[in-house]
Amino acid sequence: MLMNNSWLLLAIIAVFAVFVQSD
């Protein structure tokens, strides 16, 4: 958590990509 939210942003993009692929 001390690190930047880069990993969090990456996780959101990954979930979004999976959601799009699911469609």
Protein backbone atom coordinates (compact mmCIF):
# COMPACT_ATOMS: atom_id res chain seq x y z
CA MET A 1 0.00 0.00 0.00
CA LEU A 2 2.97 2.27 0.61
CA MET A 3 3.84 1.89 -3.07
CA ASN A 4 2.03 3.92 -5.71
CA ASN A 5 -1.33 2.70 -6.96
CA SER A 6 0.35 1.53 -10.16
CA TRP A 7 -0.35 -2.12 -9.31
CA LEU A 8 -3.94 -1.24 -8.41
CA LEU A 9 -4.44 0.58 -11.71
CA LEU A 10 -2.93 -2.40 -13.52
CA ALA A 11 -5.32 -4.74 -11.68
CA ILE A 12 -8.30 -2.59 -12.71
CA ILE A 13 -7.16 -2.65 -16.34
CA ALA A 14 -6.72 -6.44 -16.14
CA VAL A 15 -10.23 -6.91 -14.74
CA PHE A 16 -11.64 -4.57 -17.37
CA ALA A 17 -9.84 -6.51 -20.12
CA VAL A 18 -11.25 -9.79 -18.81
CA PHE A 19 -14.72 -8.26 -18.64
CA VAL A 20 -14.45 -7.10 -22.25
CA GLN A 21 -13.17 -10.50 -23.37
CA SER A 22 -16.05 -12.17 -21.57
CA ASP A 23 -18.41 -10.16 -23.75
